Amino acid sequence: MTKIKDIINGKLLGKHIIQGWVRSVRKKKKFSFVVVNDGSCQDNLQIVLDLGIPGYEEVSSSLIGASVKIVGDIVESQGKGQSLEMIGLECELLGFCDESYPLQKKATSLEFIRENAHLRARTNLFGAVFRIRNELAKATHDFFYNSGFYYINTPIITAIDAEGAGEMFNVSTLDPSNMPKDAKGNPDYSKDYFGKSTSLTVSGQLNAECMAMGLGKVYTFGPTFRSEKSFTSRHLSEFWMVEPEAAFMDLDDVAELGANYIQYLIKRSLNNCKKELDFLSSREEIDDDLVGRLESVLNNQFKKITYTEAVEILSHCDQKFEFPVQWGAELQTEHERFLTEVHFKSPVIVTDYPKSCKAFYMKQNTDGKTVRAMDILVPGVGEIIGGSQREESLSKLKSRMAELNMGEDQLQWYLDLRKYGSVVHSGFGLGFERAVMYITGMKNIRDVIPFPRATGSADF
């Protein structure tokens, strides 16, 4: 069997066998045109079938969505719209398609396709999105491997809340209708499978730090979960995170790593997914300057400013914001986009955020008010990476945990890292789906993961 991708890219003439799904059929008196896609690329292949070849009646009478196998000669096309076509020698209907098949040639809304997520990989739009997603996943492994990082796997089931937000899915084998209780009337998780309360992880970071303290540079790329009830186009309950952790790297080092990683992802997509990006740019749902926006980030230096400088810029600009700008509050997407799209017209790295709005593990600055945190912002989206230098001092980490009324028992192993050869170390997290959204230009995060899990939605 030959993939259509190989035929098109390699201009492979001569006899080949293809298999795929019918995109359209035009039946004439003595011949038929059948257009087939096999999922390997954005291109379809037009096949000319002459009346009388083996399997002609079944294939020429098939409906959109049917699966077929065709043996034929690849020749240079005499018609418009394609450079190559196949002259069929024999054909076979592999699987019929019922007339109720919902993905016809007429335009369908994204919401309708989302409701038929089990079929959407067959559309041109989602075929492009998921091929780009595949390329970005491969690029992620290549980038970190070539940068000297070791790929590790961190637990999906955990007993700690790495982010401290409390938005976690509980994991339990206890019967909720007959829950054992302790002396205070609270659920007695000592009777549960793991002997304690456990949840699905929101981050692999803390575990990755352990591995970095022995391997030097590591990264994890896996599923994470958050039970935040959000209906926005930017939130999922189950999503994939890329989280590198590196010993002997400070905030400036990891910020540079993050910028290089984003540019590497963009370069790979521009080089290896040109047809997909060109197709996406032609869609009305997507900005027509998608490729130009990506090239701008690829070819521009990342401007670096502090959070305090960002607030100063935002406070003295003429732009009207929905959310007020004040020192001590998180920057909102509208603020981030103003910085990247209007003020600097380039990607921006914002550092040294107030410690009051950041996690306990971030290194504290000498001013007592800020921490060595950083966000990487890009035009069109805002934040795409968030990271920090981790606090390597045992006393400072314990003091910060005490400020937040965090018990030390569950995190004793994490504190041990500061007792046994602590070093400067840093890391960041990139939500993979948000990166796919950015590079494909899709507006809803549910459209860049095959089977989205979000508030009120766990179909398929």
Protein backbone atom coordinates (compact mmCIF):
# COMPACT_ATOMS: atom_id res chain seq x y z
CA MET A 1 0.00 0.00 0.00
CA THR A 2 1.19 3.53 -0.76
CA LYS A 3 0.17 6.57 1.26
CA ILE A 4 -1.28 9.51 -0.65
CA LYS A 5 1.22 11.72 1.20
CA ASP A 6 4.12 9.76 -0.32
CA ILE A 7 2.55 9.85 -3.78
CA ILE A 8 2.05 13.62 -3.71
CA ASN A 9 5.34 14.57 -2.05
CA GLY A 10 7.43 12.10 -4.01
CA LYS A 11 5.57 12.55 -7.30
CA LEU A 12 5.43 8.77 -7.50
CA LEU A 13 4.26 7.77 -10.96
CA GLY A 14 3.38 4.24 -12.03
CA LYS A 15 1.36 1.48 -10.43
CA HIS A 16 0.30 1.83 -6.78
CA ILE A 17 -2.35 0.56 -4.36
CA ILE A 18 -4.17 3.03 -2.12
CA GLN A 19 -6.79 2.70 0.60
CA GLY A 20 -8.91 5.46 2.05
CA TRP A 21 -12.31 7.08 2.46
CA VAL A 22 -14.44 8.54 -0.31
CA ARG A 23 -14.73 12.34 -0.26
CA SER A 24 -16.81 12.65 -3.43
CA VAL A 25 -18.11 10.67 -6.42
CA ARG A 26 -19.07 12.00 -9.85
CA LYS A 27 -20.55 9.24 -11.97
CA LYS A 28 -20.73 9.60 -15.74
CA LYS A 29 -22.03 7.17 -18.38
CA LYS A 30 -18.75 5.40 -19.11
CA PHE A 31 -16.48 6.47 -16.25
CA SER A 32 -16.49 8.00 -12.78
CA PHE A 33 -14.33 10.40 -10.76
CA VAL A 34 -13.78 9.29 -7.16
CA VAL A 35 -11.89 11.52 -4.72
CA VAL A 36 -10.21 9.69 -1.84
CA ASN A 37 -8.37 10.77 1.30
CA ASP A 38 -6.41 8.36 3.48
CA GLY A 39 -5.62 10.70 6.38
CA SER A 40 -1.89 10.85 5.66
CA CYS A 41 -1.95 14.44 4.40
CA GLN A 42 -4.12 17.41 3.50
CA ASP A 43 -4.29 16.35 -0.14
CA ASN A 44 -6.99 14.18 -1.67
CA LEU A 45 -6.31 11.95 -4.67
CA GLN A 46 -8.62 11.95 -7.66
CA ILE A 47 -9.11 8.57 -9.29
CA VAL A 48 -10.58 8.00 -12.74
CA LEU A 49 -12.49 4.70 -12.92
CA ASP A 50 -13.53 3.35 -16.33
CA LEU A 51 -16.73 1.39 -16.71
CA GLY A 52 -16.04 -2.33 -16.70
CA ILE A 53 -12.99 -2.54 -14.41
CA PRO A 54 -13.32 -4.99 -11.49
CA GLY A 55 -15.41 -3.48 -8.64
CA TYR A 56 -16.58 -0.49 -10.69
CA GLU A 57 -20.30 -0.65 -9.87
CA GLU A 58 -19.82 -0.94 -6.11
CA VAL A 59 -17.25 1.85 -5.82
CA SER A 60 -18.82 4.26 -8.33
CA SER A 61 -22.16 3.89 -6.52
CA SER A 62 -20.70 4.35 -3.04
CA LEU A 63 -21.58 7.29 -0.81
CA ILE A 64 -19.33 9.86 0.83
CA GLY A 65 -17.60 8.21 3.79
CA ALA A 66 -17.30 4.72 2.29
CA SER A 67 -13.90 3.04 2.47
CA VAL A 68 -12.26 1.76 -0.71
CA LYS A 69 -9.17 0.05 -2.06
CA ILE A 70 -7.96 0.96 -5.53
CA VAL A 71 -5.16 -0.37 -7.71
CA GLY A 72 -4.10 1.97 -10.49
CA ASP A 73 -1.50 4.02 -12.32
CA ILE A 74 -0.45 7.43 -10.99
CA VAL A 75 -0.13 9.87 -13.88
CA GLU A 76 0.24 13.61 -14.31
CA SER A 77 -3.22 15.15 -14.23
CA GLN A 78 -4.69 16.80 -17.29
CA GLY A 79 -7.37 18.55 -15.22
CA LYS A 80 -7.32 21.51 -12.86
CA GLY A 81 -6.90 21.34 -9.10
CA GLN A 82 -4.36 18.52 -8.82
CA SER A 83 -0.94 17.74 -10.23
CA LEU A 84 -1.35 13.96 -10.10
CA GLU A 85 -4.26 11.58 -10.44
CA MET A 86 -4.79 7.84 -10.59
CA ILE A 87 -6.17 5.82 -13.47
CA GLY A 88 -7.92 2.94 -11.74
CA LEU A 89 -7.26 -0.61 -12.93
CA GLU A 90 -9.35 -2.37 -10.31
CA CYS A 91 -11.22 -1.25 -7.21
CA GLU A 92 -12.94 -2.69 -4.17
CA LEU A 93 -15.53 -1.38 -1.73
CA LEU A 94 -14.12 -2.18 1.71
CA GLY A 95 -16.87 -0.69 3.86
CA PHE A 96 -20.18 0.83 2.78
CA CYS A 97 -21.36 4.11 4.28
CA ASP A 98 -24.94 4.58 5.40
CA GLU A 99 -26.83 7.54 3.94
CA SER A 100 -27.17 8.96 7.46
CA TYR A 101 -23.42 9.82 7.49
CA PRO A 102 -23.43 13.35 8.97
CA LEU A 103 -20.34 14.79 7.26
CA GLN A 104 -21.53 15.67 3.79
CA LYS A 105 -20.00 18.16 1.36
CA LYS A 106 -22.19 20.99 2.62
CA ALA A 107 -20.70 23.33 5.20
CA THR A 108 -21.19 22.30 8.82
CA SER A 109 -20.62 24.31 11.97
CA LEU A 110 -17.80 23.58 14.40
CA GLU A 111 -20.39 22.92 17.10
CA PHE A 112 -22.08 20.29 14.93
CA ILE A 113 -18.77 18.63 14.17
CA ARG A 114 -17.87 18.75 17.87
CA GLU A 115 -21.07 16.81 18.58
CA ASN A 116 -19.78 14.16 16.17
CA ALA A 117 -16.26 14.04 17.54
CA HIS A 118 -15.92 10.34 16.69
CA LEU A 119 -15.97 11.33 12.99
CA ARG A 120 -14.32 14.73 12.88
CA ALA A 121 -10.82 13.44 12.07
CA ARG A 122 -12.21 12.76 8.58
CA THR A 123 -12.83 16.44 7.87
CA ASN A 124 -10.24 18.64 6.17
CA LEU A 125 -10.26 21.04 9.11
CA PHE A 126 -9.68 18.57 11.90
CA GLY A 127 -7.37 16.42 9.82
CA ALA A 128 -5.14 19.50 9.53
CA VAL A 129 -5.38 20.29 13.26
CA PHE A 130 -4.52 16.79 14.42
CA ARG A 131 -1.65 16.34 11.97
CA ILE A 132 -0.18 19.60 13.29
CA ARG A 133 -0.75 18.38 16.85
CA ASN A 134 1.18 15.22 16.00
CA GLU A 135 4.05 17.26 14.57
CA LEU A 136 4.18 19.48 17.67
CA ALA A 137 4.28 16.43 19.97
CA LYS A 138 7.18 14.96 18.00
CA ALA A 139 8.89 18.36 17.96
CA THR A 140 8.54 18.59 21.75
CA HIS A 141 10.40 15.33 22.28
CA ASP A 142 13.04 16.27 19.70
CA PHE A 143 13.64 19.69 21.25
CA PHE A 144 14.15 18.47 24.79
CA TYR A 145 16.15 15.41 23.72
CA ASN A 146 18.47 17.63 21.68
CA SER A 147 18.73 20.03 24.63
CA GLY A 148 19.99 17.27 26.93
CA PHE A 149 16.77 16.60 28.84
CA TYR A 150 15.60 13.15 29.93
CA TYR A 151 11.96 12.22 29.36
CA ILE A 152 10.28 10.98 32.55
CA ASN A 153 6.77 9.98 33.60
CA THR A 154 5.27 11.41 36.78
CA PRO A 155 2.24 10.02 38.67
CA ILE A 156 -1.28 10.69 37.50
CA ILE A 157 -2.67 9.70 40.91
CA THR A 158 -1.35 11.93 43.69
CA ALA A 159 -1.96 12.85 47.32
CA ILE A 160 -0.78 16.47 46.93
CA ASP A 161 -2.12 19.62 45.30
CA ALA A 162 0.93 21.02 43.52
CA GLU A 163 -0.78 24.31 42.65
CA GLY A 164 -2.67 24.79 45.92
CA ALA A 165 -5.87 25.68 44.10
CA GLY A 166 -7.91 22.75 45.42
CA GLU A 167 -9.49 22.10 42.02
CA MET A 168 -8.77 18.37 41.86
CA PHE A 169 -10.72 15.25 40.94
CA ASN A 170 -10.94 12.79 43.81
CA VAL A 171 -9.83 9.19 43.21
CA SER A 172 -11.50 6.66 45.50
CA THR A 173 -12.79 3.09 45.62
CA LEU A 174 -15.01 3.82 48.61
CA ASP A 175 -18.77 3.55 48.21
CA PRO A 176 -20.07 7.16 48.32
CA SER A 177 -23.44 5.97 49.59
CA ASN A 178 -21.81 4.16 52.51
CA MET A 179 -18.70 6.21 53.22
CA PRO A 180 -16.73 5.19 56.33
CA LYS A 181 -16.32 8.05 58.80
CA ASP A 182 -13.62 8.94 61.30
CA ALA A 183 -14.21 10.05 64.91
CA LYS A 184 -15.02 13.59 63.73
CA GLY A 185 -17.56 12.39 61.17
CA ASN A 186 -15.32 13.11 58.18
CA PRO A 187 -14.68 10.57 55.40
CA ASP A 188 -12.14 8.03 56.63
CA TYR A 189 -9.73 7.70 53.72
CA SER A 190 -7.50 5.37 55.73
CA LYS A 191 -9.98 2.73 54.58
CA ASP A 192 -9.52 3.71 50.95
CA TYR A 193 -7.38 1.92 48.36
CA PHE A 194 -4.24 4.02 48.95
CA GLY A 195 -4.90 4.57 52.66
CA LYS A 196 -5.25 8.31 52.19
CA SER A 197 -7.17 10.86 50.13
CA THR A 198 -5.90 10.87 46.53
CA SER A 199 -6.69 12.85 43.38
CA LEU A 200 -5.81 13.19 39.73
CA THR A 201 -2.74 15.37 39.34
CA VAL A 202 -2.82 19.01 38.27
CA SER A 203 0.94 19.05 37.60
CA GLY A 204 3.94 16.74 37.48
CA GLN A 205 6.29 19.52 38.56
CA LEU A 206 7.08 18.54 42.15
CA ASN A 207 7.90 14.98 41.14
CA ALA A 208 9.94 16.24 38.21
CA GLU A 209 12.02 18.33 40.61
CA CYS A 210 13.02 15.13 42.41
CA MET A 211 14.23 13.59 39.17
CA ALA A 212 16.10 16.75 38.17
CA MET A 213 18.04 16.59 41.43
CA GLY A 214 19.68 13.40 40.16
CA LEU A 215 19.47 13.52 36.37
CA GLY A 216 20.11 17.24 35.95
CA LYS A 217 17.57 18.08 33.27
CA VAL A 218 14.24 16.28 32.83
CA TYR A 219 10.83 16.89 31.30
CA THR A 220 7.43 15.31 31.62
CA PHE A 221 4.78 15.39 28.91
CA GLY A 222 1.51 13.88 30.03
CA PRO A 223 -2.12 14.32 31.03
CA THR A 224 -3.14 16.60 33.89
CA PHE A 225 -6.56 17.32 35.34
CA ARG A 226 -8.40 20.23 36.90
CA SER A 227 -11.98 20.29 38.20
CA GLU A 228 -12.41 24.06 37.82
CA LYS A 229 -15.94 24.71 36.58
CA SER A 230 -15.23 26.85 33.56
CA PHE A 231 -17.17 27.20 30.33
CA THR A 232 -14.65 29.36 28.50
CA SER A 233 -13.04 28.47 25.18
CA ARG A 234 -9.63 28.21 26.90
CA HIS A 235 -10.30 25.60 29.59
CA LEU A 236 -10.37 21.81 29.67
CA SER A 237 -10.76 19.43 32.59
CA GLU A 238 -8.26 17.00 31.07
CA PHE A 239 -5.30 18.41 29.19
CA TRP A 240 -1.64 17.69 28.45
CA MET A 241 1.26 19.55 30.02
CA VAL A 242 4.89 19.88 29.00
CA GLU A 243 6.96 20.50 32.13
CA PRO A 244 10.76 20.70 32.03
CA GLU A 245 12.77 20.96 35.25
CA ALA A 246 16.49 21.68 35.27
CA ALA A 247 19.11 21.76 38.00
CA PHE A 248 21.70 24.55 37.88
CA MET A 249 19.44 26.76 35.74
CA ASP A 250 18.14 30.11 37.02
CA LEU A 251 15.12 32.10 35.85
CA ASP A 252 16.95 33.75 32.95
CA ASP A 253 18.14 30.35 31.72
CA VAL A 254 14.69 28.78 31.81
CA ALA A 255 13.07 31.83 30.20
CA GLU A 256 15.51 31.50 27.31
CA LEU A 257 14.73 27.78 27.13
CA GLY A 258 11.01 28.54 26.92
CA ALA A 259 11.45 31.12 24.18
CA ASN A 260 13.64 28.74 22.18
CA TYR A 261 11.06 25.96 22.61
CA ILE A 262 8.19 28.10 21.30
CA GLN A 263 10.24 29.17 18.29
CA TYR A 264 11.21 25.55 17.64
CA LEU A 265 7.56 24.46 17.64
CA ILE A 266 6.67 27.24 15.22
CA LYS A 267 9.59 26.46 12.92
CA ARG A 268 8.69 22.77 12.79
CA SER A 269 5.07 23.53 11.95
CA LEU A 270 6.03 26.01 9.22
CA ASN A 271 8.53 23.57 7.71
CA ASN A 272 6.57 20.32 8.00
CA CYS A 273 2.90 21.37 7.99
CA LYS A 274 2.80 24.05 5.31
CA LYS A 275 -0.25 22.65 3.49
CA GLU A 276 -2.17 22.29 6.75
CA LEU A 277 -1.34 25.87 7.80
CA ASP A 278 -2.23 27.23 4.37
CA PHE A 279 -5.56 25.42 4.51
CA LEU A 280 -6.29 26.70 8.01
CA SER A 281 -5.43 30.25 6.92
CA SER A 282 -8.09 29.97 4.22
CA ARG A 283 -10.85 29.18 6.72
CA GLU A 284 -13.13 32.01 7.81
CA GLU A 285 -13.03 30.81 11.44
CA ILE A 286 -9.28 31.49 11.56
CA ASP A 287 -7.25 34.68 11.15
CA ASP A 288 -6.06 34.93 7.56
CA ASP A 289 -2.67 36.18 8.79
CA LEU A 290 -1.99 33.01 10.77
CA VAL A 291 1.30 32.24 9.01
CA GLY A 292 2.45 35.85 9.24
CA ARG A 293 1.77 35.91 12.99
CA LEU A 294 3.77 32.73 13.49
CA GLU A 295 6.65 34.01 11.39
CA SER A 296 6.69 37.21 13.43
CA VAL A 297 7.17 35.28 16.69
CA LEU A 298 9.78 33.05 15.04
CA ASN A 299 11.84 35.97 13.76
CA ASN A 300 11.47 38.44 16.66
CA GLN A 301 13.46 38.77 19.85
CA PHE A 302 11.45 38.21 23.04
CA LYS A 303 11.27 41.47 25.00
CA LYS A 304 11.89 41.01 28.73
CA ILE A 305 10.27 43.23 31.39
CA THR A 306 9.38 42.90 35.06
CA TYR A 307 5.80 42.64 36.30
CA THR A 308 6.21 46.08 37.93
CA GLU A 309 7.27 47.57 34.58
CA ALA A 310 4.29 45.88 32.91
CA VAL A 311 1.87 47.43 35.42
CA GLU A 312 3.50 50.82 34.86
CA ILE A 313 3.03 50.53 31.08
CA LEU A 314 -0.58 49.39 31.42
CA SER A 315 -1.44 52.06 33.97
CA HIS A 316 -0.28 54.89 31.72
CA CYS A 317 -1.62 53.74 28.37
CA ASP A 318 -4.75 55.05 26.65
CA GLN A 319 -6.32 51.60 26.33
CA LYS A 320 -9.57 50.91 28.20
CA PHE A 321 -9.48 47.52 29.97
CA GLU A 322 -12.33 45.45 31.35
CA PHE A 323 -10.21 44.36 34.31
CA PRO A 324 -8.48 47.04 36.39
CA VAL A 325 -4.70 47.26 36.41
CA GLN A 326 -3.21 47.32 39.87
CA TRP A 327 0.00 46.10 41.42
CA GLY A 328 -0.55 42.78 43.18
CA ALA A 329 -3.18 41.36 40.81
CA GLU A 330 -2.59 38.81 38.08
CA LEU A 331 -2.32 40.19 34.57
CA GLN A 332 -5.39 39.30 32.51
CA THR A 333 -5.38 38.13 28.90
CA GLU A 334 -6.39 41.59 27.67
CA HIS A 335 -3.39 43.10 29.47
CA GLU A 336 -1.02 40.49 28.07
CA ARG A 337 -2.29 40.97 24.53
CA PHE A 338 -1.91 44.74 24.80
CA LEU A 339 1.72 44.31 25.78
CA THR A 340 2.49 41.94 22.90
CA GLU A 341 0.24 43.27 20.14
CA VAL A 342 0.11 47.02 20.77
CA HIS A 343 2.96 48.19 22.98
CA PHE A 344 5.92 46.00 22.02
CA LYS A 345 4.55 44.27 18.88
CA SER A 346 6.60 41.23 19.80
CA PRO A 347 6.63 38.30 22.24
CA VAL A 348 7.22 39.39 25.84
CA ILE A 349 8.69 37.68 28.91
CA VAL A 350 7.32 39.13 32.15
CA THR A 351 9.30 38.33 35.33
CA ASP A 352 9.21 38.90 39.08
CA TYR A 353 5.53 38.68 39.97
CA PRO A 354 4.03 39.47 43.40
CA LYS A 355 4.42 36.44 45.64
CA SER A 356 0.82 36.86 46.82
CA CYS A 357 -0.51 35.56 43.49
CA LYS A 358 2.06 32.82 42.89
CA ALA A 359 2.69 29.31 44.22
CA PHE A 360 4.56 28.50 47.42
CA TYR A 361 7.57 26.88 45.72
CA MET A 362 8.77 29.96 43.80
CA LYS A 363 12.05 31.58 44.82
CA GLN A 364 11.54 34.71 46.89
CA ASN A 365 13.28 37.94 45.90
CA THR A 366 15.13 40.04 48.44
CA ASP A 367 12.42 42.74 48.31
CA GLY A 368 10.11 40.40 50.25
CA LYS A 369 7.24 41.16 47.86
CA THR A 370 8.04 39.38 44.62
CA VAL A 371 9.18 35.97 43.44
CA ARG A 372 11.32 34.76 40.55
CA ALA A 373 8.39 33.83 38.35
CA MET A 374 8.00 34.39 34.64
CA ASP A 375 5.30 34.21 31.98
CA ILE A 376 6.00 34.11 28.27
CA LEU A 377 3.39 36.06 26.31
CA VAL A 378 2.76 35.87 22.56
CA PRO A 379 0.60 38.01 20.26
CA GLY A 380 -2.89 36.69 19.68
CA VAL A 381 -3.10 34.63 22.87
CA GLY A 382 -1.23 36.17 25.77
CA GLU A 383 0.37 33.74 28.21
CA ILE A 384 1.59 30.52 26.64
CA ILE A 385 4.23 29.47 29.21
CA GLY A 386 4.39 29.98 32.97
CA GLY A 387 7.41 29.10 35.08
CA SER A 388 9.78 30.08 37.84
CA GLN A 389 13.03 29.58 39.61
CA ARG A 390 12.24 27.24 42.50
CA GLU A 391 13.08 28.15 46.09
CA GLU A 392 16.23 26.18 46.95
CA SER A 393 16.50 27.39 50.55
CA LEU A 394 14.95 25.02 53.11
CA SER A 395 14.32 27.76 55.68
CA LYS A 396 12.70 30.13 53.16
CA LEU A 397 10.54 27.38 51.71
CA LYS A 398 9.33 26.32 55.16
CA SER A 399 8.66 29.94 56.09
CA ARG A 400 6.57 30.46 52.95
CA MET A 401 4.59 27.27 53.61
CA ALA A 402 3.91 28.47 57.14
CA GLU A 403 2.63 31.81 55.79
CA LEU A 404 0.14 29.87 53.66
CA ASN A 405 -0.80 27.50 56.52
CA MET A 406 0.51 24.52 54.58
CA GLY A 407 1.34 21.42 56.58
CA GLU A 408 4.77 19.92 56.03
CA ASP A 409 3.86 16.26 56.51
CA GLN A 410 2.69 15.51 52.99
CA LEU A 411 5.57 17.41 51.44
CA GLN A 412 8.42 16.17 53.62
CA TRP A 413 9.97 14.43 50.65
CA TYR A 414 9.86 17.73 48.73
CA LEU A 415 11.53 19.55 51.62
CA ASP A 416 14.21 16.84 51.70
CA LEU A 417 15.43 18.07 48.32
CA ARG A 418 16.53 21.26 50.10
CA LYS A 419 18.35 19.27 52.80
CA TYR A 420 20.32 16.92 50.60
CA GLY A 421 22.51 18.88 48.20
CA SER A 422 20.09 21.65 47.17
CA VAL A 423 20.94 23.61 44.04
CA VAL A 424 19.53 26.45 41.99
CA HIS A 425 16.86 24.94 39.75
CA SER A 426 14.02 26.14 37.56
CA GLY A 427 11.24 24.96 35.29
CA PHE A 428 8.10 25.89 33.42
CA GLY A 429 4.81 24.49 32.24
CA LEU A 430 3.24 24.74 28.80
CA GLY A 431 -0.34 23.65 28.26
CA PHE A 432 0.03 21.61 25.09
CA GLU A 433 -3.51 22.28 23.85
CA ARG A 434 -2.99 26.04 24.19
CA ALA A 435 0.16 25.74 22.09
CA VAL A 436 -1.79 23.77 19.47
CA MET A 437 -4.52 26.44 19.55
CA TYR A 438 -1.96 29.15 18.99
CA ILE A 439 -0.19 27.47 16.09
CA THR A 440 -3.35 26.28 14.32
CA GLY A 441 -5.30 29.48 14.95
CA MET A 442 -8.27 27.55 16.37
CA LYS A 443 -10.40 29.60 18.74
CA ASN A 444 -11.77 26.86 21.02
CA ILE A 445 -9.52 24.55 22.99
CA ARG A 446 -12.06 21.74 22.61
CA ASP A 447 -11.20 21.68 18.91
CA VAL A 448 -7.52 20.80 19.34
CA ILE A 449 -7.85 17.63 21.43
CA PRO A 450 -9.52 14.53 19.93
CA PHE A 451 -12.04 13.92 22.72
CA PRO A 452 -12.43 16.95 25.00
CA ARG A 453 -13.26 16.64 28.66
CA ALA A 454 -14.75 19.81 30.08
CA THR A 455 -17.46 20.96 32.50
CA GLY A 456 -20.63 19.03 31.68
CA SER A 457 -18.99 17.12 28.82
CA ALA A 458 -17.47 13.65 28.95
CA ASP A 459 -18.87 12.18 25.75
CA PHE A 460 -17.18 9.64 23.50
